[in-house]
Protein backbone atom coordinates (compact mmCIF):
# COMPACT_ATOMS: atom_id res chain seq x y z
CA UNK A 1 -62.44 -133.06 -117.50
CA UNK A 2 -60.15 -130.63 -119.34
CA UNK A 3 -61.11 -129.31 -122.75
CA UNK A 4 -58.31 -128.72 -125.26
CA UNK A 5 -58.15 -127.56 -128.87
CA UNK A 6 -59.72 -129.88 -131.42
CA UNK A 7 -60.47 -132.64 -128.97
CA UNK A 8 -63.19 -135.26 -129.38
CA UNK A 9 -66.41 -133.95 -130.85
CA UNK A 10 -68.33 -132.12 -128.20
CA UNK A 11 -71.89 -132.89 -127.37
CA UNK A 12 -73.72 -129.68 -126.56
CA UNK A 13 -76.03 -126.96 -127.72
CA UNK A 14 -75.45 -124.11 -130.08
CA UNK A 15 -77.33 -122.11 -132.63
CA UNK A 16 -77.20 -122.42 -136.36
CA UNK A 17 -77.33 -119.36 -138.44
CA UNK A 18 -78.10 -119.23 -142.14
CA UNK A 19 -76.67 -116.36 -144.18
CA UNK A 20 -78.17 -115.03 -147.39
CA UNK A 21 -76.38 -112.58 -149.62
CA UNK A 22 -78.41 -109.64 -150.75
CA UNK A 23 -78.30 -108.65 -154.39
CA UNK A 24 -78.35 -105.28 -156.06
CA UNK A 25 -78.98 -104.18 -159.61
CA UNK A 26 -75.99 -101.87 -159.45
CA UNK A 27 -73.30 -100.98 -156.98
CA UNK A 28 -70.53 -98.51 -156.37
CA UNK A 29 -67.04 -99.37 -157.64
CA UNK A 30 -65.05 -101.37 -155.13
CA UNK A 31 -61.78 -99.74 -154.07
CA UNK A 32 -59.14 -100.68 -151.52
CA UNK A 33 -56.24 -98.71 -150.19
CA UNK A 34 -54.10 -100.44 -152.80
CA UNK A 35 -56.43 -99.91 -155.75
CA UNK A 36 -59.17 -101.83 -157.50
CA UNK A 37 -59.73 -105.37 -156.27
CA UNK A 38 -59.10 -106.87 -159.68
CA UNK A 39 -55.63 -105.29 -159.79
CA UNK A 40 -54.43 -106.22 -156.31
CA UNK A 41 -52.75 -109.61 -156.62
CA UNK A 42 -50.43 -110.60 -153.82
CA UNK A 43 -51.05 -107.65 -151.48
CA UNK A 44 -52.32 -107.88 -147.92
CA UNK A 45 -55.82 -106.48 -148.51
CA UNK A 46 -58.81 -108.80 -148.75
CA UNK A 47 -62.10 -108.07 -150.51
CA UNK A 48 -64.77 -109.97 -148.61
CA UNK A 49 -68.53 -110.38 -148.87
CA UNK A 50 -69.26 -110.72 -145.18
CA UNK A 51 -71.92 -108.07 -144.72
CA UNK A 52 -74.73 -106.37 -146.58
CA UNK A 53 -76.47 -103.04 -146.30
CA UNK A 54 -80.22 -102.53 -146.27
CA UNK A 55 -79.73 -100.88 -148.72
CA UNK A 56 -76.68 -99.16 -147.18
CA UNK A 57 -74.64 -99.74 -144.06
CA UNK A 58 -75.63 -98.61 -140.59
CA UNK A 59 -72.70 -98.12 -138.26
CA UNK A 60 -73.78 -100.64 -135.64
CA UNK A 61 -71.03 -102.77 -134.08
CA UNK A 62 -72.87 -103.75 -130.92
CA UNK A 63 -72.04 -107.50 -130.86
CA UNK A 64 -75.31 -108.27 -129.07
CA UNK A 65 -77.58 -106.32 -131.40
CA UNK A 66 -79.72 -108.16 -133.95
CA UNK A 67 -78.93 -105.31 -136.37
CA UNK A 68 -75.16 -105.48 -135.92
CA UNK A 69 -72.68 -105.66 -138.76
CA UNK A 70 -71.66 -109.29 -139.27
CA UNK A 71 -68.00 -108.38 -138.97
CA UNK A 72 -68.47 -107.25 -135.37
CA UNK A 73 -67.54 -110.88 -134.68
CA UNK A 74 -64.08 -110.17 -136.15
CA UNK A 75 -63.63 -107.51 -133.45
CA UNK A 76 -65.14 -109.31 -130.45
CA UNK A 77 -64.21 -112.84 -129.46
CA UNK A 78 -65.71 -115.73 -127.47
CA UNK A 79 -64.11 -117.98 -124.89
CA UNK A 80 -64.23 -120.99 -127.22
CA UNK A 81 -64.89 -121.36 -130.96
CA UNK A 82 -66.85 -124.37 -132.16
CA UNK A 83 -66.70 -125.78 -135.66
CA UNK A 84 -70.39 -126.50 -136.16
CA UNK A 85 -69.69 -129.03 -138.90
CA UNK A 86 -67.80 -131.39 -136.59
CA UNK A 87 -68.40 -130.05 -133.10
CA UNK A 88 -64.68 -129.61 -132.53
CA UNK A 89 -63.63 -126.93 -130.07
CA UNK A 90 -60.77 -124.44 -130.25
CA UNK A 91 -60.02 -122.58 -127.00
CA UNK A 92 -59.90 -118.84 -127.62
CA UNK A 93 -60.15 -116.24 -124.87
CA UNK A 94 -60.24 -119.23 -122.54
CA UNK A 95 -57.35 -121.67 -122.72
CA UNK A 96 -59.81 -124.42 -121.86
CA UNK A 97 -62.44 -125.33 -119.32
CA UNK A 98 -63.32 -128.02 -116.84
CA UNK A 99 -66.59 -129.37 -115.50
CA UNK A 100 -65.91 -130.76 -112.05
CA UNK A 101 -69.58 -131.62 -111.85
CA UNK A 102 -72.67 -131.24 -114.02
CA UNK A 103 -73.61 -127.89 -112.43
CA UNK A 104 -70.23 -126.17 -112.54
CA UNK A 105 -67.99 -124.86 -115.33
CA UNK A 106 -64.51 -123.47 -114.71
CA UNK A 107 -63.17 -121.39 -117.58
CA UNK A 108 -59.42 -120.80 -117.58
CA UNK A 109 -59.05 -117.26 -118.92
CA UNK A 110 -56.14 -116.53 -121.22
CA UNK A 111 -53.43 -114.18 -119.96
CA UNK A 112 -51.54 -111.62 -122.03
CA UNK A 113 -54.55 -110.45 -124.05
CA UNK A 114 -55.31 -106.75 -124.42
CA UNK A 115 -58.24 -104.77 -125.70
CA UNK A 116 -57.54 -102.81 -128.87
CA UNK A 117 -57.28 -99.59 -126.80
CA UNK A 118 -54.38 -101.10 -124.83
CA UNK A 119 -56.24 -102.01 -121.65
CA UNK A 120 -55.68 -105.51 -120.26
CA UNK A 121 -58.31 -108.18 -120.81
CA UNK A 122 -59.21 -109.85 -117.51
CA UNK A 123 -61.54 -112.47 -116.03
CA UNK A 124 -63.53 -109.54 -114.63
CA UNK A 125 -64.45 -108.60 -118.22
CA UNK A 126 -65.95 -112.05 -118.68
CA UNK A 127 -68.08 -111.89 -115.55
CA UNK A 128 -69.09 -108.31 -116.39
CA UNK A 129 -70.28 -109.50 -119.81
CA UNK A 130 -72.33 -112.32 -118.33
CA UNK A 131 -73.89 -109.95 -115.79
CA UNK A 132 -74.63 -107.47 -118.59
CA UNK A 133 -76.58 -110.15 -120.46
CA UNK A 134 -78.49 -110.99 -117.30
CA UNK A 135 -79.39 -107.37 -116.67
CA UNK A 136 -80.46 -106.85 -120.29
CA UNK A 137 -82.08 -110.09 -121.51
CA UNK A 138 -82.62 -108.57 -124.96
CA UNK A 139 -78.86 -108.86 -125.47
CA UNK A 140 -78.69 -112.52 -124.44
CA UNK A 141 -78.94 -113.81 -128.00
CA UNK A 142 -77.63 -117.27 -127.13
CA UNK A 143 -79.81 -117.66 -124.06
CA UNK A 144 -76.95 -118.23 -121.61
CA UNK A 145 -79.04 -117.15 -118.62
CA UNK A 146 -81.56 -119.89 -119.29
CA UNK A 147 -78.73 -122.15 -118.09
CA UNK A 148 -76.74 -120.00 -115.63
CA UNK A 149 -77.34 -119.20 -111.99
CA UNK A 150 -74.26 -117.04 -111.36
CA UNK A 151 -70.66 -116.37 -112.38
CA UNK A 152 -67.67 -115.31 -110.31
CA UNK A 153 -63.95 -114.62 -110.67
CA UNK A 154 -61.54 -117.02 -108.99
CA UNK A 155 -58.00 -115.84 -109.70
CA UNK A 156 -57.47 -116.27 -113.45
CA UNK A 157 -60.57 -118.46 -113.72
CA UNK A 158 -64.24 -117.71 -114.18
CA UNK A 159 -66.50 -120.12 -112.33
CA UNK A 160 -70.01 -120.50 -113.71
CA UNK A 161 -72.72 -122.08 -111.57
CA UNK A 162 -75.57 -123.58 -113.56
CA UNK A 163 -79.20 -123.56 -112.58
CA UNK A 164 -79.42 -127.35 -113.04
CA UNK A 165 -77.29 -130.29 -114.09
CA UNK A 166 -76.58 -129.20 -117.65
CA UNK A 167 -73.29 -130.33 -119.20
CA UNK A 168 -74.13 -129.11 -122.75
CA UNK A 169 -74.61 -125.58 -121.41
CA UNK A 170 -70.83 -125.15 -121.34
CA UNK A 171 -70.66 -124.75 -125.08
CA UNK A 172 -73.54 -122.31 -125.25
CA UNK A 173 -71.97 -120.13 -122.58
CA UNK A 174 -68.46 -120.42 -124.03
CA UNK A 175 -69.58 -118.87 -127.32
CA UNK A 176 -70.66 -115.56 -125.77
CA UNK A 177 -68.76 -112.60 -127.17
CA UNK A 178 -66.91 -110.69 -124.46
CA UNK A 179 -66.93 -106.89 -124.15
CA UNK A 180 -64.68 -104.56 -122.10
CA UNK A 181 -65.99 -103.60 -118.67
CA UNK A 182 -64.02 -100.34 -118.59
CA UNK A 183 -66.03 -99.01 -121.56
CA UNK A 184 -69.39 -100.75 -121.36
CA UNK A 185 -70.00 -100.07 -117.66
CA UNK A 186 -70.70 -96.45 -118.59
CA UNK A 187 -73.04 -97.16 -121.51
CA UNK A 188 -76.47 -95.70 -120.56
CA UNK A 189 -78.52 -98.18 -122.59
CA UNK A 190 -76.61 -101.22 -123.92
CA UNK A 191 -79.72 -102.39 -125.79
CA UNK A 192 -79.87 -99.37 -128.11
CA UNK A 193 -76.10 -98.73 -128.06
CA UNK A 194 -74.73 -98.86 -131.63
CA UNK A 195 -71.08 -99.00 -130.54
CA UNK A 196 -69.85 -96.94 -133.48
CA UNK A 197 -66.21 -97.11 -132.37
CA UNK A 198 -65.82 -100.70 -131.22
CA UNK A 199 -62.99 -101.81 -128.94
CA UNK A 200 -62.45 -105.56 -128.86
CA UNK A 201 -59.81 -108.25 -128.33
CA UNK A 202 -60.10 -109.53 -131.91
CA UNK A 203 -57.76 -109.43 -134.90
CA UNK A 204 -59.38 -106.34 -136.44
CA UNK A 205 -60.42 -102.80 -135.58
CA UNK A 206 -62.77 -100.56 -137.50
CA UNK A 207 -61.08 -98.47 -140.21
CA UNK A 208 -62.79 -96.16 -142.68
CA UNK A 209 -66.58 -96.33 -142.70
CA UNK A 210 -69.04 -95.06 -145.31
CA UNK A 211 -72.60 -96.12 -146.06
CA UNK A 212 -71.36 -98.00 -149.15
CA UNK A 213 -68.15 -99.59 -147.91
CA UNK A 214 -66.06 -99.96 -144.78
CA UNK A 215 -62.73 -101.48 -143.86
CA UNK A 216 -61.38 -103.42 -140.92
CA UNK A 217 -57.70 -102.92 -140.13
CA UNK A 218 -55.42 -105.49 -138.51
CA UNK A 219 -55.04 -105.07 -134.77
CA UNK A 220 -51.24 -105.00 -134.57
CA UNK A 221 -51.34 -105.76 -130.84
CA UNK A 222 -53.64 -108.76 -131.27
CA UNK A 223 -52.65 -111.69 -129.09
CA UNK A 224 -52.26 -113.85 -132.20
CA UNK A 225 -51.01 -111.11 -134.53
CA UNK A 226 -48.34 -113.40 -135.97
CA UNK A 227 -51.09 -115.65 -137.32
CA UNK A 228 -53.03 -112.86 -139.10
CA UNK A 229 -51.83 -112.41 -142.69
CA UNK A 230 -54.59 -110.07 -143.88
CA UNK A 231 -53.80 -106.46 -143.02
CA UNK A 232 -57.08 -105.01 -144.29
CA UNK A 233 -60.57 -106.36 -144.88
CA UNK A 234 -62.62 -104.41 -147.42
CA UNK A 235 -66.38 -104.87 -147.06
CA UNK A 236 -68.68 -103.32 -149.70
CA UNK A 237 -72.37 -102.79 -149.01
CA UNK A 238 -73.40 -104.50 -152.26
CA UNK A 239 -72.39 -108.12 -152.78
CA UNK A 240 -74.39 -109.39 -155.74
CA UNK A 241 -73.23 -112.43 -157.70
CA UNK A 242 -72.09 -110.07 -160.45
CA UNK A 243 -70.08 -108.00 -157.95
CA UNK A 244 -68.40 -111.09 -156.52
CA UNK A 245 -67.40 -112.47 -159.90
CA UNK A 246 -66.40 -109.25 -161.68
CA UNK A 247 -64.64 -107.48 -158.81
CA UNK A 248 -62.36 -110.33 -157.88
CA UNK A 249 -63.43 -111.04 -154.32
CA UNK A 250 -61.13 -113.05 -152.09
CA UNK A 251 -63.87 -114.62 -149.97
CA UNK A 252 -67.64 -114.78 -150.24
CA UNK A 253 -70.50 -116.94 -149.07
CA UNK A 254 -72.86 -117.27 -152.01
CA UNK A 255 -74.67 -119.96 -153.94
CA UNK A 256 -74.04 -119.83 -157.69
CA UNK A 257 -76.11 -122.07 -159.92
CA UNK A 258 -73.14 -122.91 -162.14
CA UNK A 259 -70.13 -122.14 -160.03
CA UNK A 260 -67.65 -123.57 -162.52
CA UNK A 261 -68.88 -121.37 -165.36
CA UNK A 262 -69.21 -118.26 -163.21
CA UNK A 263 -66.85 -118.03 -160.27
CA UNK A 264 -64.16 -120.49 -161.35
CA UNK A 265 -64.16 -119.41 -164.98
CA UNK A 266 -63.58 -115.77 -163.96
CA UNK A 267 -60.08 -116.75 -162.70
CA UNK A 268 -59.35 -120.45 -163.29
CA UNK A 269 -55.87 -120.20 -161.79
CA UNK A 270 -57.06 -118.90 -158.43
CA UNK A 271 -60.83 -119.16 -157.91
CA UNK A 272 -61.98 -122.21 -156.01
CA UNK A 273 -64.95 -123.19 -153.86
CA UNK A 274 -66.03 -125.55 -151.13
CA UNK A 275 -69.69 -126.41 -150.60
CA UNK A 276 -69.81 -128.70 -147.54
CA UNK A 277 -72.95 -129.99 -145.88
CA UNK A 278 -74.61 -127.45 -143.63
CA UNK A 279 -77.66 -129.15 -142.11
CA UNK A 280 -80.17 -131.86 -142.98
CA UNK A 281 -83.18 -130.98 -145.11
CA UNK A 282 -85.94 -133.42 -144.26
CA UNK A 283 -89.60 -134.22 -144.54
CA UNK A 284 -91.05 -133.81 -141.05
CA UNK A 285 -94.22 -135.85 -140.43
CA UNK A 286 -96.87 -134.65 -138.00
CA UNK A 287 -96.93 -137.37 -135.36
CA UNK A 288 -100.34 -136.28 -134.08
CA UNK A 289 -102.02 -137.22 -137.35
CA UNK A 290 -102.72 -140.47 -139.13
CA UNK A 291 -101.15 -142.01 -141.11
CA UNK A 292 -97.94 -140.12 -140.23
CA UNK A 293 -98.02 -141.48 -136.68
CA UNK A 294 -97.69 -145.01 -138.10
CA UNK A 295 -94.07 -146.18 -138.20
CA UNK A 296 -94.75 -148.54 -141.09
CA UNK A 297 -96.15 -145.64 -143.08
CA UNK A 298 -93.03 -143.55 -142.38
CA UNK A 299 -90.84 -146.50 -143.34
CA UNK A 300 -92.77 -146.77 -146.58
CA UNK A 301 -92.08 -143.12 -147.37
CA UNK A 302 -88.38 -143.47 -146.56
CA UNK A 303 -87.96 -146.56 -148.74
CA UNK A 304 -89.96 -145.08 -151.62
CA UNK A 305 -87.63 -142.12 -152.19
CA UNK A 306 -84.41 -141.87 -154.18
CA UNK A 307 -82.72 -139.27 -152.00
CA UNK A 308 -79.73 -138.81 -154.26
CA UNK A 309 -81.96 -137.95 -157.20
CA UNK A 310 -83.79 -135.48 -154.96
CA UNK A 311 -80.47 -133.98 -153.83
CA UNK A 312 -79.19 -133.72 -157.39
CA UNK A 313 -82.27 -131.78 -158.44
CA UNK A 314 -82.52 -129.56 -155.38
CA UNK A 315 -78.80 -128.90 -154.81
CA UNK A 316 -77.68 -129.17 -158.45
CA UNK A 317 -75.22 -131.89 -157.56
CA UNK A 318 -73.22 -129.76 -155.09
CA UNK A 319 -74.41 -131.56 -151.93
CA UNK A 320 -75.52 -135.18 -151.58
CA UNK A 321 -78.26 -137.14 -149.86
CA UNK A 322 -78.45 -137.08 -146.08
CA UNK A 323 -77.96 -139.86 -143.56
CA UNK A 324 -81.01 -140.93 -141.57
CA UNK A 325 -78.86 -140.89 -138.42
CA UNK A 326 -79.26 -137.13 -138.03
CA UNK A 327 -75.51 -136.60 -138.39
CA UNK A 328 -73.73 -134.43 -140.92
CA UNK A 329 -71.47 -136.79 -142.82
CA UNK A 330 -68.59 -137.04 -143.38
CA UNK A 331 -67.86 -134.28 -140.82
CA UNK A 332 -69.20 -136.32 -137.91
CA UNK A 333 -67.89 -139.74 -138.91
CA UNK A 334 -65.93 -139.95 -135.66
CA UNK A 335 -69.11 -140.47 -133.64
CA UNK A 336 -71.10 -142.45 -136.24
CA UNK A 337 -72.52 -145.69 -134.85
CA UNK A 338 -70.73 -148.42 -136.84
CA UNK A 339 -73.63 -150.82 -136.30
CA UNK A 340 -76.03 -148.72 -138.38
CA UNK A 341 -76.05 -150.13 -141.93
CA UNK A 342 -74.80 -148.09 -144.87
CA UNK A 343 -73.87 -145.17 -142.57
CA UNK A 344 -77.57 -144.54 -142.17
CA UNK A 345 -78.25 -143.80 -145.83
CA UNK A 346 -81.61 -145.30 -146.80
CA UNK A 347 -81.61 -146.52 -150.38
CA UNK A 348 -84.70 -146.50 -152.54
CA UNK A 349 -86.45 -149.88 -152.47
CA UNK A 350 -89.93 -149.75 -153.94
CA UNK A 351 -90.72 -153.37 -153.07
CA UNK A 352 -89.88 -152.75 -149.42
CA UNK A 353 -91.83 -149.48 -149.56
CA UNK A 354 -94.97 -151.29 -150.77
CA UNK A 355 -94.59 -153.87 -148.02
CA UNK A 356 -94.41 -151.16 -145.38
CA UNK A 357 -97.36 -149.32 -146.87
CA UNK A 358 -99.35 -152.57 -146.89
CA UNK A 359 -98.68 -153.02 -143.17
CA UNK A 360 -99.98 -149.46 -142.70
CA UNK A 361 -103.16 -150.34 -144.61
CA UNK A 362 -102.40 -149.14 -148.14
CA UNK A 363 -102.17 -151.39 -151.19
CA UNK A 364 -101.86 -150.86 -154.94
CA UNK A 365 -105.03 -151.16 -157.03
CA UNK A 366 -105.27 -150.04 -160.62
CA UNK A 367 -102.02 -148.10 -160.41
CA UNK A 368 -103.07 -146.27 -157.24
CA UNK A 369 -102.12 -146.76 -153.63
CA UNK A 370 -105.43 -146.99 -151.78
CA UNK A 371 -106.75 -147.60 -148.29
CA UNK A 372 -109.14 -150.35 -147.21
CA UNK A 373 -112.07 -148.37 -148.67
CA UNK A 374 -110.38 -148.00 -152.05
CA UNK A 375 -109.59 -144.29 -151.55
CA UNK A 376 -106.33 -143.13 -153.06
CA UNK A 377 -103.66 -142.04 -150.60
CA UNK A 378 -103.11 -138.27 -150.80
CA UNK A 379 -100.18 -136.59 -149.08
CA UNK A 380 -99.98 -132.86 -148.45
CA UNK A 381 -96.43 -131.44 -148.33
CA UNK A 382 -95.73 -127.88 -147.18
CA UNK A 383 -92.66 -125.95 -148.40
CA UNK A 384 -91.94 -122.20 -148.36
CA UNK A 385 -92.87 -120.10 -151.37
CA UNK A 386 -89.86 -118.81 -153.25
CA UNK A 387 -87.40 -121.40 -151.95
CA UNK A 388 -86.72 -122.82 -155.37
CA UNK A 389 -84.19 -125.46 -154.29
CA UNK A 390 -86.62 -126.98 -151.79
CA UNK A 391 -89.45 -126.80 -154.29
CA UNK A 392 -87.40 -128.66 -156.86
CA UNK A 393 -86.70 -131.30 -154.23
CA UNK A 394 -90.38 -131.58 -153.38
CA UNK A 395 -91.26 -131.96 -157.06
CA UNK A 396 -88.90 -134.93 -157.17
CA UNK A 397 -90.66 -136.35 -154.12
CA UNK A 398 -94.01 -135.82 -155.82
CA UNK A 399 -92.87 -137.63 -158.95
CA UNK A 400 -91.34 -140.58 -157.12
CA UNK A 401 -94.34 -141.12 -154.87
CA UNK A 402 -96.62 -140.67 -157.86
CA UNK A 403 -95.00 -143.67 -159.48
CA UNK A 404 -96.30 -145.76 -156.59
CA UNK A 405 -99.79 -144.36 -157.02
CA UNK A 406 -99.68 -141.71 -154.29
CA UNK A 407 -101.18 -138.32 -155.03
CA UNK A 408 -99.06 -135.49 -153.63
CA UNK A 409 -100.38 -131.99 -153.04
CA UNK A 410 -97.70 -129.31 -152.61
CA UNK A 411 -98.64 -126.14 -150.75
CA UNK A 412 -96.37 -123.10 -150.70
CA UNK A 413 -97.22 -120.50 -148.06
CA UNK A 414 -95.14 -117.35 -147.82
CA UNK A 415 -92.08 -117.81 -145.55
CA UNK A 416 -93.68 -116.12 -142.54
CA UNK A 417 -96.81 -118.26 -142.84
CA UNK A 418 -94.61 -121.34 -143.39
CA UNK A 419 -92.78 -120.65 -140.13
CA UNK A 420 -96.10 -120.29 -138.34
CA UNK A 421 -97.32 -123.63 -139.68
CA UNK A 422 -94.01 -125.32 -138.87
CA UNK A 423 -93.86 -124.10 -135.28
CA UNK A 424 -97.55 -124.54 -134.51
CA UNK A 425 -97.66 -128.07 -135.92
CA UNK A 426 -100.44 -127.22 -138.36
CA UNK A 427 -99.21 -129.35 -141.23
CA UNK A 428 -99.29 -132.93 -142.47
CA UNK A 429 -95.79 -133.32 -143.90
CA UNK A 430 -93.45 -130.34 -144.06
CA UNK A 431 -90.01 -129.62 -145.46
CA UNK A 432 -87.69 -128.44 -142.72
CA UNK A 433 -84.11 -128.10 -141.54
CA UNK A 434 -82.91 -130.31 -138.70
CA UNK A 435 -79.55 -130.57 -136.96
CA UNK A 436 -76.56 -128.77 -138.30
CA UNK A 437 -74.76 -127.68 -135.13
CA UNK A 438 -72.27 -130.54 -135.08
CA UNK A 439 -73.23 -131.01 -131.43
CA UNK A 440 -75.42 -134.05 -130.76
CA UNK A 441 -77.28 -132.83 -127.71
CA UNK A 442 -78.60 -129.78 -129.51
CA UNK A 443 -79.31 -131.64 -132.72
CA UNK A 444 -81.08 -134.66 -131.25
CA UNK A 445 -82.89 -132.60 -128.65
CA UNK A 446 -84.26 -130.44 -131.46
CA UNK A 447 -85.43 -133.52 -133.35
CA UNK A 448 -86.67 -135.71 -130.50
CA UNK A 449 -86.82 -133.70 -127.27
CA UNK A 450 -89.88 -133.66 -125.06
CA UNK A 451 -89.02 -130.15 -123.87
CA UNK A 452 -90.04 -128.85 -127.30
CA UNK A 453 -93.16 -130.98 -127.63
CA UNK A 454 -96.08 -128.56 -127.57
CA UNK A 455 -99.77 -129.15 -128.23
CA UNK A 456 -100.88 -128.43 -131.78
CA UNK A 457 -101.47 -124.71 -132.13
CA UNK A 458 -98.83 -123.73 -129.57
CA UNK A 459 -95.46 -122.46 -130.78
CA UNK A 460 -92.58 -124.92 -130.61
CA UNK A 461 -88.90 -124.09 -131.12
CA UNK A 462 -87.93 -127.67 -131.94
CA UNK A 463 -89.37 -131.15 -132.39
CA UNK A 464 -91.84 -129.64 -134.85
CA UNK A 465 -93.33 -133.04 -135.67
CA UNK A 466 -94.31 -133.58 -132.01
CA UNK A 467 -92.36 -136.85 -131.77
CA UNK A 468 -92.63 -138.59 -128.41
CA UNK A 469 -90.39 -141.34 -127.06
CA UNK A 470 -89.60 -142.18 -123.42
CA UNK A 471 -86.40 -143.86 -124.61
CA UNK A 472 -85.26 -140.70 -126.39
CA UNK A 473 -86.15 -138.57 -123.37
CA UNK A 474 -84.13 -140.82 -121.05
CA UNK A 475 -81.10 -140.73 -123.35
CA UNK A 476 -81.26 -136.95 -123.70
CA UNK A 477 -81.61 -136.53 -119.95
CA UNK A 478 -78.51 -138.63 -119.38
CA UNK A 479 -76.59 -136.83 -122.12
CA UNK A 480 -77.41 -133.55 -120.42
CA UNK A 481 -75.97 -134.62 -117.08
CA UNK A 482 -73.04 -136.97 -117.74
CA UNK A 483 -69.50 -135.62 -117.75
CA UNK A 484 -68.10 -138.96 -119.00
CA UNK A 485 -66.89 -138.29 -122.56
CA UNK A 486 -67.04 -141.94 -123.63
CA UNK A 487 -70.59 -142.25 -122.34
CA UNK A 488 -71.50 -139.08 -124.25
CA UNK A 489 -70.41 -140.75 -127.50
CA UNK A 490 -72.28 -143.93 -126.61
CA UNK A 491 -75.48 -141.98 -125.96
CA UNK A 492 -75.08 -140.07 -129.21
CA UNK A 493 -74.86 -143.39 -131.04
CA UNK A 494 -77.96 -144.72 -129.30
CA UNK A 495 -79.81 -141.58 -130.38
CA UNK A 496 -78.61 -142.13 -133.95
CA UNK A 497 -80.02 -145.65 -133.85
CA UNK A 498 -83.33 -144.39 -132.51
CA UNK A 499 -83.54 -141.71 -135.20
CA UNK A 500 -82.70 -144.29 -137.86
CA UNK A 501 -85.28 -146.78 -136.57
CA UNK A 502 -88.15 -144.47 -135.59
CA UNK A 503 -87.97 -141.93 -138.45
CA UNK A 504 -89.03 -138.78 -136.58
CA UNK A 505 -88.03 -137.10 -139.83
CA UNK A 506 -87.23 -138.49 -143.26
CA UNK A 507 -83.81 -137.20 -144.23
CA UNK A 508 -83.54 -136.09 -147.84
CA UNK A 509 -80.38 -134.09 -148.53
CA UNK A 510 -77.86 -131.83 -146.90
CA UNK A 511 -78.21 -128.10 -147.21
CA UNK A 512 -75.04 -126.54 -148.53
CA UNK A 513 -72.57 -124.01 -147.17
CA UNK A 514 -71.45 -121.92 -150.12
CA UNK A 515 -67.80 -120.97 -149.71
CA UNK A 516 -66.09 -119.08 -152.56
CA UNK A 517 -62.35 -118.45 -152.26
CA UNK A 518 -59.51 -116.94 -154.28
CA UNK A 519 -55.93 -118.11 -153.77
CA UNK A 520 -54.52 -115.10 -155.64
CA UNK A 521 -53.53 -113.26 -152.47
CA UNK A 522 -54.09 -115.80 -149.69
CA UNK A 523 -53.92 -119.56 -149.27
CA UNK A 524 -54.96 -121.94 -146.50
CA UNK A 525 -58.71 -121.81 -146.99
CA UNK A 526 -60.79 -124.62 -145.44
CA UNK A 527 -61.55 -127.44 -147.85
CA UNK A 528 -62.77 -131.01 -148.07
CA UNK A 529 -59.21 -132.14 -147.35
CA UNK A 530 -58.80 -129.71 -144.45
CA UNK A 531 -62.28 -128.96 -143.01
CA UNK A 532 -61.03 -127.00 -140.02
CA UNK A 533 -63.86 -124.46 -140.26
CA UNK A 534 -67.10 -123.77 -142.04
CA UNK A 535 -66.70 -121.45 -145.05
CA UNK A 536 -69.26 -119.02 -143.66
CA UNK A 537 -68.35 -115.37 -143.15
CA UNK A 538 -70.33 -114.59 -139.96
CA UNK A 539 -70.23 -115.53 -136.27
CA UNK A 540 -66.95 -116.58 -134.67
CA UNK A 541 -65.80 -119.43 -136.91
CA UNK A 542 -64.28 -116.97 -139.45
CA UNK A 543 -61.68 -116.26 -136.76
CA UNK A 544 -60.39 -119.79 -137.36
CA UNK A 545 -59.93 -118.91 -141.03
CA UNK A 546 -58.46 -115.45 -140.52
CA UNK A 547 -55.79 -116.93 -138.23
CA UNK A 548 -54.99 -119.76 -140.66
CA UNK A 549 -54.48 -117.95 -143.98
CA UNK A 550 -51.04 -117.28 -145.40
CA UNK A 551 -49.90 -114.87 -148.12
CA UNK A 552 -49.81 -116.43 -151.57
CA UNK A 553 -46.34 -117.04 -152.93
C-alpha cells in the first residue's frame, strides 16, 4: 500500500495543538531589513506572528523541547505532513511509505536533501532521531515509542517494526521532526539542549536574534528552494491585536471579535482572513451517572438545542454548528457516511425532545420538566472560567433548556481545575473539545475508545465521558489493524453512525482556526476555496503554506 501526496484521507492518530496569541500593553517598533512593515509592499520579507515571548524570547530551537520557539518547525522537517483538517498527507522527507503488514512501515527516504550546513541528509539521520527519542523519552512528544519496537536502515529506506498490529501508528511516527546525527550525537544532554544555532533540512535558518525580535532567513540550498518565495521571516516577541493591525502583518493566527472592522478595515485592498473549523466543541455527558447514561435523555438534550444559535453566540458567526458524526465538515466530506441524514446535523425539535425526555422519565408540569416525584430536572454544566466564547455558548444552552422547564446550573472552575474535573470524570455534563485531527482513528478512539475508559477519579486522556460500547471497540480494533483503504473508510462511516446514534457527546459548534493574511506582498494563502492547509502558524503544516506562496504582482 503506497502512500502518495494528497491521497485519500488517512485514518490514523495525531495530536491537535491549540495556539493562543499573547498580548502586550506596549511593544517595540517592528523593523525588517527593508524598513518598517507598513512600508514594505511587494518585497520578499514577511512579518509573521508565529511566536511569542514570555515576556521576551529565549533562544531555544530544540525541536523536541516544550519550551522551543514555534518556528523551530520551519527549520526541522518531518517525513510526512498531515493536513489535520482533512487528514490528507503530503510526503516530505519521505517520498512515501508502505505498510506490507500491520506491524511494519517502510519509509522511502528522499534523496538529494542536505542539512543547512551542507552535510547530506540520510536514512541514518532518521533512525538516529528515532533512537534519540527512545533513549530520552522526555523528547518523545508524539509518543512514537509507545508504538515502535525498532527501526533500521535498508538502503534508502527506513523500516520501522511496530510493537503490535497498529496501522494508524504510521502517521504518528511520520510526523516526527528529524535532526542531524553528525551534530546531535555529540550533544551531552539533548533534554536540556537549547540548540541556539539550529541546523535543519527546512526552508529557513536562524538569522538575527534578540530578546524582542528575531528573523529566519531562506535556506538557499533547500531541496525545494524554488518553491519558497519569502526570503526573510520577521518574528517580533509581542503580537497583540493592536500590533497585528497597526504594523501590517503578513500572517497571524489570532481571533478578532470584529475582524472586518479591525483587520480588514486596516487595509481593505489586501487584508483577508479564513476561519475554518478546527475541532468540535461539545457537551460531554458522564455515562456513569443518571440520567446522562440514558440514551433517551441524551437524545432529548440533542433535540432540544438550536446549535446554530449557540454557534452564532459563541463564535460570533465565524464558525457554524457541528455535525453529530464527529467529523469536521466540510473538510471531511469525502468520508462522510451518505446514509446519515442531514450530514449528521441535528436540528432543534422541541416536540421530539419532550418525547425523548418522557421516555427517560421526565414530563412537563406547570412549565417545569419534572421526574416521577414532581422534582424539577436540574442539569449541572461545567465550563472553564475565563473562556468567554464557551461561556456564551453555555448561556445559550441554559436559555434554550430553560424554555423547556429545565434548570441549568453553570459552574466555572479555573482552567487547571477544569482539566482535573474533565480528566477524572468528576462532572455531570461538561463542555469539551473532541476530534479535530482529521484522522478518524484518533478522533473516534478519543471519543469512544475503551483504552481511555478509566474509573471515576483516575486520569483519562480521552473518552472523558466514560462511554462504553463493544461495537465501537470492535470497529476501532479492526481500524487499527486493517491495511485495506476501502475498509478503513467503511469502518470510519460505521463509527460515524454509532456516534450519531449513541450520542457519546452532544456536538454544538466547531471551534475556529483564526487565520489572518495580507496579499500585499504574497498570494496563495489557504482559503475556503483552496483548503490545502490549516491557517495555523505552528507545527509542520506551515511548511505547506511557505512552499505555496507566490510574490504579489
